[in-house]
PDB file of all heavy atoms in Angstrom:
ATOM      1  N   LEU A   1       2.566  12.614-108.831  1.00  0.00           N
ATOM      2  CA  LEU A   1       2.431  11.823-110.020  1.00  0.00           C
ATOM      3  C   LEU A   1       2.937  10.321-109.760  1.00  0.00           C
ATOM      4  O   LEU A   1       2.299   9.462-110.290  1.00  0.00           O
ATOM      5  CB  LEU A   1       3.272  12.428-111.140  1.00  0.00           C
ATOM      6  CG  LEU A   1       2.720  13.677-111.734  1.00  0.00           C
ATOM      7  CD1 LEU A   1       3.674  14.178-112.866  1.00  0.00           C
ATOM      8  CD2 LEU A   1       1.224  13.536-112.173  1.00  0.00           C
ATOM      9  N   PRO A   2       4.018  10.099-109.019  1.00  0.00           N
ATOM     10  CA  PRO A   2       4.433   8.690-108.890  1.00  0.00           C
ATOM     11  C   PRO A   2       3.428   7.786-108.210  1.00  0.00           C
ATOM     12  O   PRO A   2       3.485   6.552-108.367  1.00  0.00           O
ATOM     13  CB  PRO A   2       5.698   8.820-108.023  1.00  0.00           C
ATOM     14  CG  PRO A   2       6.238  10.195-108.340  1.00  0.00           C
ATOM     15  CD  PRO A   2       4.994  11.042-108.448  1.00  0.00           C
ATOM     16  N   ILE A   3       2.475   8.269-107.402  1.00  0.00           N
ATOM     17  CA  ILE A   3       1.523   7.376-106.745  1.00  0.00           C
ATOM     18  C   ILE A   3       0.181   7.503-107.436  1.00  0.00           C
ATOM     19  O   ILE A   3      -0.770   6.775-107.010  1.00  0.00           O
ATOM     20  CB  ILE A   3       1.345   7.724-105.237  1.00  0.00           C
ATOM     21  CG1 ILE A   3       0.659   9.058-105.021  1.00  0.00           C
ATOM     22  CG2 ILE A   3       2.710   7.765-104.488  1.00  0.00           C
ATOM     23  CD1 ILE A   3       0.165   9.241-103.613  1.00  0.00           C
ATOM     24  N   ALA A   4      -0.017   8.333-108.467  1.00  0.00           N
ATOM     25  CA  ALA A   4      -1.315   8.488-109.097  1.00  0.00           C
ATOM     26  C   ALA A   4      -1.556   7.499-110.186  1.00  0.00           C
ATOM     27  O   ALA A   4      -0.624   7.138-110.944  1.00  0.00           O
ATOM     28  CB  ALA A   4      -1.430   9.891-109.641  1.00  0.00           C
ATOM     29  N   ASP A   5      -2.769   7.029-110.300  1.00  0.00           N
ATOM     30  CA  ASP A   5      -3.138   6.163-111.433  1.00  0.00           C
ATOM     31  C   ASP A   5      -3.811   6.974-112.554  1.00  0.00           C
ATOM     32  O   ASP A   5      -3.798   6.570-113.648  1.00  0.00           O
ATOM     33  CB  ASP A   5      -4.159   5.079-110.935  1.00  0.00           C
ATOM     34  CG  ASP A   5      -3.568   4.169-109.886  1.00  0.00           C
ATOM     35  OD1 ASP A   5      -2.711   3.331-110.259  1.00  0.00           O
ATOM     36  OD2 ASP A   5      -3.835   4.323-108.743  1.00  0.00           O
ATOM     37  N   ARG A   6      -4.407   8.165-112.155  1.00  0.00           N
ATOM     38  CA  ARG A   6      -5.092   9.002-113.064  1.00  0.00           C
ATOM     39  C   ARG A   6      -4.919  10.393-112.603  1.00  0.00           C
ATOM     40  O   ARG A   6      -4.874  10.701-111.423  1.00  0.00           O
ATOM     41  CB  ARG A   6      -6.603   8.683-113.190  1.00  0.00           C
ATOM     42  CG  ARG A   6      -7.303   9.410-114.245  1.00  0.00           C
ATOM     43  CD  ARG A   6      -8.786   8.973-114.376  1.00  0.00           C
ATOM     44  NE  ARG A   6      -8.881   7.590-114.790  1.00  0.00           N
ATOM     45  CZ  ARG A   6      -9.265   6.601-114.001  1.00  0.00           C
ATOM     46  NH1 ARG A   6      -9.536   6.807-112.751  1.00  0.00           N
ATOM     47  NH2 ARG A   6      -9.312   5.370-114.441  1.00  0.00           N
ATOM     48  N   VAL A   7      -4.794  11.362-113.516  1.00  0.00           N
ATOM     49  CA  VAL A   7      -4.558  12.803-113.215  1.00  0.00           C
ATOM     50  C   VAL A   7      -5.763  13.542-113.854  1.00  0.00           C
ATOM     51  O   VAL A   7      -6.092  13.382-115.049  1.00  0.00           O
ATOM     52  CB  VAL A   7      -3.265  13.306-113.759  1.00  0.00           C
ATOM     53  CG1 VAL A   7      -3.109  14.753-113.489  1.00  0.00           C
ATOM     54  CG2 VAL A   7      -2.140  12.492-113.107  1.00  0.00           C
ATOM     55  N   TYR A   8      -6.335  14.482-113.106  1.00  0.00           N
ATOM     56  CA  TYR A   8      -7.320  15.451-113.611  1.00  0.00           C
ATOM     57  C   TYR A   8      -6.785  16.833-113.343  1.00  0.00           C
ATOM     58  O   TYR A   8      -6.317  17.146-112.233  1.00  0.00           O
ATOM     59  CB  TYR A   8      -8.604  15.326-112.860  1.00  0.00           C
ATOM     60  CG  TYR A   8      -9.349  14.015-113.142  1.00  0.00           C
ATOM     61  CD1 TYR A   8      -9.182  12.920-112.304  1.00  0.00           C
ATOM     62  CD2 TYR A   8     -10.149  13.843-114.238  1.00  0.00           C
ATOM     63  CE1 TYR A   8      -9.774  11.739-112.490  1.00  0.00           C
ATOM     64  CE2 TYR A   8     -10.835  12.620-114.508  1.00  0.00           C
ATOM     65  CZ  TYR A   8     -10.609  11.593-113.542  1.00  0.00           C
ATOM     66  OH  TYR A   8     -11.267  10.337-113.767  1.00  0.00           O
ATOM     67  N   VAL A   9      -6.810  17.740-114.370  1.00  0.00           N
ATOM     68  CA  VAL A   9      -6.409  19.111-114.188  1.00  0.00           C
ATOM     69  C   VAL A   9      -7.678  19.894-114.228  1.00  0.00           C
ATOM     70  O   VAL A   9      -8.463  19.871-115.164  1.00  0.00           O
ATOM     71  CB  VAL A   9      -5.453  19.503-115.287  1.00  0.00           C
ATOM     72  CG1 VAL A   9      -5.171  21.062-115.147  1.00  0.00           C
ATOM     73  CG2 VAL A   9      -4.115  18.739-115.260  1.00  0.00           C
ATOM     74  N   LEU A  10      -7.937  20.659-113.128  1.00  0.00           N
ATOM     75  CA  LEU A  10      -9.052  21.557-113.069  1.00  0.00           C
ATOM     76  C   LEU A  10      -8.553  22.994-113.361  1.00  0.00           C
ATOM     77  O   LEU A  10      -7.497  23.449-112.853  1.00  0.00           O
ATOM     78  CB  LEU A  10      -9.708  21.606-111.701  1.00  0.00           C
ATOM     79  CG  LEU A  10     -10.760  20.587-111.333  1.00  0.00           C
ATOM     80  CD1 LEU A  10     -11.436  20.870-109.994  1.00  0.00           C
ATOM     81  CD2 LEU A  10     -11.847  20.516-112.430  1.00  0.00           C
ATOM     82  N   ASP A  11      -9.196  23.684-114.271  1.00  0.00           N
ATOM     83  CA  ASP A  11      -8.869  25.016-114.578  1.00  0.00           C
ATOM     84  C   ASP A  11     -10.150  25.773-114.894  1.00  0.00           C
ATOM     85  O   ASP A  11     -10.947  25.397-115.713  1.00  0.00           O
ATOM     86  CB  ASP A  11      -7.961  25.053-115.826  1.00  0.00           C
ATOM     87  CG  ASP A  11      -7.270  26.459-116.012  1.00  0.00           C
ATOM     88  OD1 ASP A  11      -7.557  27.324-115.208  1.00  0.00           O
ATOM     89  OD2 ASP A  11      -6.467  26.553-116.876  1.00  0.00           O
ATOM     90  N   GLY A  12     -10.372  26.860-114.078  1.00  0.00           N
ATOM     91  CA  GLY A  12     -11.557  27.617-114.246  1.00  0.00           C
ATOM     92  C   GLY A  12     -12.818  26.870-113.973  1.00  0.00           C
ATOM     93  O   GLY A  12     -13.910  27.119-114.539  1.00  0.00           O
ATOM     94  N   GLY A  13     -12.778  25.857-113.049  1.00  0.00           N
ATOM     95  CA  GLY A  13     -13.909  25.061-112.739  1.00  0.00           C
ATOM     96  C   GLY A  13     -14.304  23.888-113.689  1.00  0.00           C
ATOM     97  O   GLY A  13     -15.284  23.312-113.567  1.00  0.00           O
ATOM     98  N   ARG A  14     -13.437  23.775-114.718  1.00  0.00           N
ATOM     99  CA  ARG A  14     -13.670  22.676-115.701  1.00  0.00           C
ATOM    100  C   ARG A  14     -12.451  21.730-115.812  1.00  0.00           C
ATOM    101  O   ARG A  14     -11.355  22.130-115.467  1.00  0.00           O
ATOM    102  CB  ARG A  14     -13.842  23.328-117.100  1.00  0.00           C
ATOM    103  CG  ARG A  14     -15.032  24.292-117.189  1.00  0.00           C
ATOM    104  CD  ARG A  14     -15.179  24.927-118.552  1.00  0.00           C
ATOM    105  NE  ARG A  14     -16.243  25.957-118.636  1.00  0.00           N
ATOM    106  CZ  ARG A  14     -17.496  25.737-118.765  1.00  0.00           C
ATOM    107  NH1 ARG A  14     -17.945  24.412-118.978  1.00  0.00           N
ATOM    108  NH2 ARG A  14     -18.381  26.679-118.848  1.00  0.00           N
ATOM    109  N   VAL A  15     -12.702  20.507-116.220  1.00  0.00           N
ATOM    110  CA  VAL A  15     -11.660  19.559-116.391  1.00  0.00           C
ATOM    111  C   VAL A  15     -10.967  19.880-117.731  1.00  0.00           C
ATOM    112  O   VAL A  15     -11.463  19.770-118.772  1.00  0.00           O
ATOM    113  CB  VAL A  15     -12.146  18.138-116.436  1.00  0.00           C
ATOM    114  CG1 VAL A  15     -11.061  17.149-116.698  1.00  0.00           C
ATOM    115  CG2 VAL A  15     -12.877  17.784-115.088  1.00  0.00           C
ATOM    116  N   ALA A  16      -9.693  20.327-117.546  1.00  0.00           N
ATOM    117  CA  ALA A  16      -8.901  20.731-118.777  1.00  0.00           C
ATOM    118  C   ALA A  16      -8.021  19.552-119.247  1.00  0.00           C
ATOM    119  O   ALA A  16      -7.561  19.564-120.400  1.00  0.00           O
ATOM    120  CB  ALA A  16      -7.934  21.860-118.423  1.00  0.00           C
ATOM    121  N   PHE A  17      -7.800  18.493-118.417  1.00  0.00           N
ATOM    122  CA  PHE A  17      -7.096  17.349-118.826  1.00  0.00           C
ATOM    123  C   PHE A  17      -7.502  16.174-117.926  1.00  0.00           C
ATOM    124  O   PHE A  17      -7.734  16.358-116.749  1.00  0.00           O
ATOM    125  CB  PHE A  17      -5.548  17.590-118.709  1.00  0.00           C
ATOM    126  CG  PHE A  17      -4.726  16.285-118.778  1.00  0.00           C
ATOM    127  CD1 PHE A  17      -4.350  15.937-120.098  1.00  0.00           C
ATOM    128  CD2 PHE A  17      -4.411  15.497-117.720  1.00  0.00           C
ATOM    129  CE1 PHE A  17      -3.507  14.772-120.229  1.00  0.00           C
ATOM    130  CE2 PHE A  17      -3.675  14.364-117.846  1.00  0.00           C
ATOM    131  CZ  PHE A  17      -3.256  13.962-119.116  1.00  0.00           C
ATOM    132  N   SER A  18      -7.597  15.013-118.505  1.00  0.00           N
ATOM    133  CA  SER A  18      -7.738  13.784-117.715  1.00  0.00           C
ATOM    134  C   SER A  18      -7.033  12.677-118.437  1.00  0.00           C
ATOM    135  O   SER A  18      -7.084  12.532-119.687  1.00  0.00           O
ATOM    136  CB  SER A  18      -9.169  13.444-117.512  1.00  0.00           C
ATOM    137  OG  SER A  18      -9.820  13.032-118.788  1.00  0.00           O
ATOM    138  N   GLY A  19      -6.298  11.861-117.673  1.00  0.00           N
ATOM    139  CA  GLY A  19      -5.556  10.752-118.272  1.00  0.00           C
ATOM    140  C   GLY A  19      -4.483  10.218-117.323  1.00  0.00           C
ATOM    141  O   GLY A  19      -4.399  10.682-116.132  1.00  0.00           O
ATOM    142  N   PRO A  20      -3.727   9.275-117.733  1.00  0.00           N
ATOM    143  CA  PRO A  20      -2.720   8.660-116.841  1.00  0.00           C
ATOM    144  C   PRO A  20      -1.528   9.640-116.633  1.00  0.00           C
ATOM    145  O   PRO A  20      -1.309  10.558-117.443  1.00  0.00           O
ATOM    146  CB  PRO A  20      -2.242   7.448-117.632  1.00  0.00           C
ATOM    147  CG  PRO A  20      -2.561   7.729-119.068  1.00  0.00           C
ATOM    148  CD  PRO A  20      -3.832   8.525-119.013  1.00  0.00           C
ATOM    149  N   PRO A  21      -0.785   9.442-115.619  1.00  0.00           N
ATOM    150  CA  PRO A  21       0.357  10.354-115.375  1.00  0.00           C
ATOM    151  C   PRO A  21       1.295  10.401-116.556  1.00  0.00           C
ATOM    152  O   PRO A  21       1.899  11.518-116.776  1.00  0.00           O
ATOM    153  CB  PRO A  21       1.048   9.750-114.104  1.00  0.00           C
ATOM    154  CG  PRO A  21      -0.026   9.001-113.426  1.00  0.00           C
ATOM    155  CD  PRO A  21      -0.936   8.451-114.480  1.00  0.00           C
ATOM    156  N   ALA A  22       1.540   9.326-117.275  1.00  0.00           N
ATOM    157  CA  ALA A  22       2.464   9.352-118.363  1.00  0.00           C
ATOM    158  C   ALA A  22       1.981  10.345-119.463  1.00  0.00           C
ATOM    159  O   ALA A  22       2.805  11.006-120.073  1.00  0.00           O
ATOM    160  CB  ALA A  22       2.636   7.957-118.996  1.00  0.00           C
ATOM    161  N   ALA A  23       0.654  10.379-119.660  1.00  0.00           N
ATOM    162  CA  ALA A  23       0.166  11.332-120.647  1.00  0.00           C
ATOM    163  C   ALA A  23       0.307  12.771-120.146  1.00  0.00           C
ATOM    164  O   ALA A  23       0.595  13.676-120.999  1.00  0.00           O
ATOM    165  CB  ALA A  23      -1.259  10.955-120.990  1.00  0.00           C
ATOM    166  N   PHE A  24       0.111  12.973-118.939  1.00  0.00           N
ATOM    167  CA  PHE A  24       0.301  14.287-118.318  1.00  0.00           C
ATOM    168  C   PHE A  24       1.791  14.748-118.584  1.00  0.00           C
ATOM    169  O   PHE A  24       2.030  15.873-119.011  1.00  0.00           O
ATOM    170  CB  PHE A  24      -0.037  14.281-116.866  1.00  0.00           C
ATOM    171  CG  PHE A  24       0.232  15.616-116.137  1.00  0.00           C
ATOM    172  CD1 PHE A  24      -0.750  16.546-116.045  1.00  0.00           C
ATOM    173  CD2 PHE A  24       1.459  15.846-115.580  1.00  0.00           C
ATOM    174  CE1 PHE A  24      -0.505  17.758-115.443  1.00  0.00           C
ATOM    175  CE2 PHE A  24       1.718  17.037-114.895  1.00  0.00           C
ATOM    176  CZ  PHE A  24       0.760  18.019-114.849  1.00  0.00           C
ATOM    177  N   GLU A  25       2.698  13.910-118.233  1.00  0.00           N
ATOM    178  CA  GLU A  25       4.156  14.212-118.355  1.00  0.00           C
ATOM    179  C   GLU A  25       4.580  14.378-119.795  1.00  0.00           C
ATOM    180  O   GLU A  25       5.499  15.125-120.076  1.00  0.00           O
ATOM    181  CB  GLU A  25       4.966  13.113-117.682  1.00  0.00           C
ATOM    182  CG  GLU A  25       4.779  13.125-116.194  1.00  0.00           C
ATOM    183  CD  GLU A  25       5.703  12.088-115.504  1.00  0.00           C
ATOM    184  OE1 GLU A  25       5.348  10.879-115.672  1.00  0.00           O
ATOM    185  OE2 GLU A  25       6.622  12.488-114.845  1.00  0.00           O
ATOM    186  N   ALA A  26       3.855  13.734-120.726  1.00  0.00           N
ATOM    187  CA  ALA A  26       4.199  13.832-122.136  1.00  0.00           C
ATOM    188  C   ALA A  26       3.708  15.137-122.781  1.00  0.00           C
ATOM    189  O   ALA A  26       4.085  15.505-123.931  1.00  0.00           O
ATOM    190  CB  ALA A  26       3.676  12.609-122.886  1.00  0.00           C
ATOM    191  N   ASP A  27       2.780  15.826-122.114  1.00  0.00           N
ATOM    192  CA  ASP A  27       2.196  17.115-122.617  1.00  0.00           C
ATOM    193  C   ASP A  27       3.152  18.199-122.263  1.00  0.00           C
ATOM    194  O   ASP A  27       3.277  18.602-121.114  1.00  0.00           O
ATOM    195  CB  ASP A  27       0.806  17.351-122.016  1.00  0.00           C
ATOM    196  CG  ASP A  27       0.090  18.435-122.656  1.00  0.00           C
ATOM    197  OD1 ASP A  27       0.659  19.577-122.813  1.00  0.00           O
ATOM    198  OD2 ASP A  27      -1.078  18.333-123.017  1.00  0.00           O
ATOM    199  N   SER A  28       3.846  18.804-123.241  1.00  0.00           N
ATOM    200  CA  SER A  28       4.864  19.801-122.978  1.00  0.00           C
ATOM    201  C   SER A  28       4.338  21.023-122.280  1.00  0.00           C
ATOM    202  O   SER A  28       4.929  21.688-121.445  1.00  0.00           O
ATOM    203  CB  SER A  28       5.586  20.187-124.299  1.00  0.00           C
ATOM    204  OG  SER A  28       4.636  20.714-125.232  1.00  0.00           O
ATOM    205  N   ARG A  29       3.007  21.409-122.693  1.00  0.00           N
ATOM    206  CA  ARG A  29       2.426  22.590-122.040  1.00  0.00           C
ATOM    207  C   ARG A  29       2.214  22.304-120.575  1.00  0.00           C
ATOM    208  O   ARG A  29       2.514  23.182-119.750  1.00  0.00           O
ATOM    209  CB  ARG A  29       1.092  22.934-122.714  1.00  0.00           C
ATOM    210  CG  ARG A  29       0.422  24.207-122.157  1.00  0.00           C
ATOM    211  CD  ARG A  29      -0.883  24.419-122.868  1.00  0.00           C
ATOM    212  NE  ARG A  29      -1.853  23.320-122.618  1.00  0.00           N
ATOM    213  CZ  ARG A  29      -2.594  23.273-121.514  1.00  0.00           C
ATOM    214  NH1 ARG A  29      -2.575  24.276-120.610  1.00  0.00           N
ATOM    215  NH2 ARG A  29      -3.463  22.284-121.372  1.00  0.00           N
ATOM    216  N   LEU A  30       1.646  21.188-120.228  1.00  0.00           N
ATOM    217  CA  LEU A  30       1.353  20.867-118.834  1.00  0.00           C
ATOM    218  C   LEU A  30       2.673  20.704-117.998  1.00  0.00           C
ATOM    219  O   LEU A  30       2.757  21.193-116.892  1.00  0.00           O
ATOM    220  CB  LEU A  30       0.552  19.613-118.677  1.00  0.00           C
ATOM    221  CG  LEU A  30      -0.851  19.663-119.280  1.00  0.00           C
ATOM    222  CD1 LEU A  30      -1.545  18.257-119.187  1.00  0.00           C
ATOM    223  CD2 LEU A  30      -1.722  20.710-118.453  1.00  0.00           C
ATOM    224  N   ARG A  31       3.667  20.132-118.643  1.00  0.00           N
ATOM    225  CA  ARG A  31       4.955  19.941-117.983  1.00  0.00           C
ATOM    226  C   ARG A  31       5.580  21.298-117.615  1.00  0.00           C
ATOM    227  O   ARG A  31       6.101  21.549-116.521  1.00  0.00           O
ATOM    228  CB  ARG A  31       5.950  19.240-118.951  1.00  0.00           C
ATOM    229  CG  ARG A  31       5.733  17.760-118.979  1.00  0.00           C
ATOM    230  CD  ARG A  31       6.543  17.163-120.115  1.00  0.00           C
ATOM    231  NE  ARG A  31       7.953  17.453-120.033  1.00  0.00           N
ATOM    232  CZ  ARG A  31       8.896  16.765-119.348  1.00  0.00           C
ATOM    233  NH1 ARG A  31       8.500  15.748-118.637  1.00  0.00           N
ATOM    234  NH2 ARG A  31      10.111  17.096-119.313  1.00  0.00           N
ATOM    235  N   GLU A  32       5.424  22.308-118.529  1.00  0.00           N
ATOM    236  CA  GLU A  32       5.969  23.654-118.262  1.00  0.00           C
ATOM    237  C   GLU A  32       5.275  24.332-117.181  1.00  0.00           C
ATOM    238  O   GLU A  32       5.832  24.985-116.286  1.00  0.00           O
ATOM    239  CB  GLU A  32       5.961  24.463-119.552  1.00  0.00           C
ATOM    240  CG  GLU A  32       6.630  25.842-119.381  1.00  0.00           C
ATOM    241  CD  GLU A  32       6.677  26.599-120.706  1.00  0.00           C
ATOM    242  OE1 GLU A  32       6.248  26.021-121.747  1.00  0.00           O
ATOM    243  OE2 GLU A  32       7.122  27.677-120.669  1.00  0.00           O
ATOM    244  N   VAL A  33       3.885  24.240-117.170  1.00  0.00           N
ATOM    245  CA  VAL A  33       3.013  24.991-116.218  1.00  0.00           C
ATOM    246  C   VAL A  33       3.158  24.356-114.849  1.00  0.00           C
ATOM    247  O   VAL A  33       3.324  25.044-113.822  1.00  0.00           O
ATOM    248  CB  VAL A  33       1.592  24.993-116.681  1.00  0.00           C
ATOM    249  CG1 VAL A  33       0.694  25.570-115.576  1.00  0.00           C
ATOM    250  CG2 VAL A  33       1.482  25.855-117.941  1.00  0.00           C
ATOM    251  N   TYR A  34       3.107  23.044-114.733  1.00  0.00           N
ATOM    252  CA  TYR A  34       2.979  22.394-113.422  1.00  0.00           C
ATOM    253  C   TYR A  34       4.306  21.782-112.935  1.00  0.00           C
ATOM    254  O   TYR A  34       4.389  21.523-111.722  1.00  0.00           O
ATOM    255  CB  TYR A  34       1.870  21.272-113.479  1.00  0.00           C
ATOM    256  CG  TYR A  34       0.529  21.898-113.680  1.00  0.00           C
ATOM    257  CD1 TYR A  34      -0.088  21.862-114.930  1.00  0.00           C
ATOM    258  CD2 TYR A  34      -0.098  22.627-112.663  1.00  0.00           C
ATOM    259  CE1 TYR A  34      -1.346  22.488-115.109  1.00  0.00           C
ATOM    260  CE2 TYR A  34      -1.358  23.165-112.868  1.00  0.00           C
ATOM    261  CZ  TYR A  34      -1.932  23.099-114.083  1.00  0.00           C
ATOM    262  OH  TYR A  34      -3.173  23.681-114.280  1.00  0.00           O
ATOM    263  N   LEU A  35       5.193  21.485-113.755  1.00  0.00           N
ATOM    264  CA  LEU A  35       6.463  20.871-113.349  1.00  0.00           C
ATOM    265  C   LEU A  35       7.671  21.800-113.526  1.00  0.00           C
ATOM    266  O   LEU A  35       8.809  21.509-113.125  1.00  0.00           O
ATOM    267  CB  LEU A  35       6.731  19.541-114.036  1.00  0.00           C
ATOM    268  CG  LEU A  35       5.716  18.413-113.721  1.00  0.00           C
ATOM    269  CD1 LEU A  35       6.053  17.236-114.584  1.00  0.00           C
ATOM    270  CD2 LEU A  35       5.857  18.038-112.255  1.00  0.00           C
ATOM    271  N   GLY A  36       7.435  22.924-114.299  1.00  0.00           N
ATOM    272  CA  GLY A  36       8.527  23.850-114.581  1.00  0.00           C
ATOM    273  C   GLY A  36       9.549  23.315-115.490  1.00  0.00           C
ATOM    274  O   GLY A  36      10.680  23.765-115.517  1.00  0.00           O
ATOM    275  N   LEU A  37       9.085  22.353-116.344  1.00  0.00           N
ATOM    276  CA  LEU A  37      10.003  21.753-117.383  1.00  0.00           C
ATOM    277  C   LEU A  37       9.457  22.068-118.721  1.00  0.00           C
ATOM    278  O   LEU A  37       8.323  21.854-119.025  1.00  0.00           O
ATOM    279  CB  LEU A  37       9.994  20.191-117.130  1.00  0.00           C
ATOM    280  CG  LEU A  37      10.472  19.739-115.761  1.00  0.00           C
ATOM    281  CD1 LEU A  37      10.203  18.221-115.653  1.00  0.00           C
ATOM    282  CD2 LEU A  37      11.909  20.082-115.488  1.00  0.00           C
ATOM    283  N   ALA A  38      10.328  22.521-119.593  1.00  0.00           N
ATOM    284  CA  ALA A  38      10.024  22.855-120.968  1.00  0.00           C
ATOM    285  C   ALA A  38      10.044  21.557-121.800  1.00  0.00           C
ATOM    286  O   ALA A  38      10.622  20.544-121.455  1.00  0.00           O
ATOM    287  CB  ALA A  38      10.978  23.836-121.498  1.00  0.00           C
TER     288      ALA A  38
END
């Protein structure tokens, strides 16, 4: 995340999320799944 300008989450062969790292980190569901943070 610190070096990324944009993040894409692939799930089941589809783009489930796209946006800047800050938006990824602000999503509580994504934080829990991928960063282990509630």
